């Protein structure tokens, strides 16, 4: 039987953004056991120790009641976060969700603000104008101690340099609102464009580009939940079939 300290180490590695396979390599514990723990099957002794320490096993802070998660709002914000968001650490365990959005699309900015407001009722949602070598954008975000619990993919380093996996409760929420999840991903790292050929042939197409193979796989999984056919070229996923593009137009459409 594994000690409470070993379980706590595994949960801490998960909180740092590591996936089950990498944790297994670091600790020597079987991936099956780690997956069971991360899915909530923590040994009773470890649960008792966690209550004694009065800490949240995900973020390490005192336990707090998270807001009731609305599936469409969460799935959308998860998609945007995986593409263009990250959590900045501040004093006293507070984190700031920071999402960078193209200022040319005020509709997407409003969708992001609305999703944050639904997930964090009463929180002040910030919008800040930014500029730099990549142009001009709007940074949308809010402060909370709960962000690491809502986005356990948070961790050190860039997303494409570490393993990205959804937790079971995230999978359940995305399955309830796959359209919202894909919409968030496309609003962050995707687009709708018109493909054309030399003979004057033209047809709309969706694309999603991300350096992280894990995040691209999640986009493909979202497509498969809706029976959308996809193809891949290097770091980009395409949805090109006429019927599939028409289906995506129902809940995404051109950026606005």
Foldseek 3Di string as FASTA:
>chain_A
DDALVLLLVLLVVLLQQADLVVSCVVSVDDSVVSLCVLQPNDDPNNVVVCVVVQADSNQRHHDDDFDDDDLLLLLLLLLQCLFFWAWDDDPPQKIKIKGKAAPVFVVVVVSNVVSVCVRPPPWDWDWDWDQDPVGITIIIITMDNCVCVSPSNHHPDDSQVHDDDDHPVNVVSCLVPLLSNLQNNCRRFKFKDWDADPVGDIAIKIKGFDSHPNSVVVNVVSCVSVPFDWDDDRRMIMGGDRVNVVVNCVRHNGRD
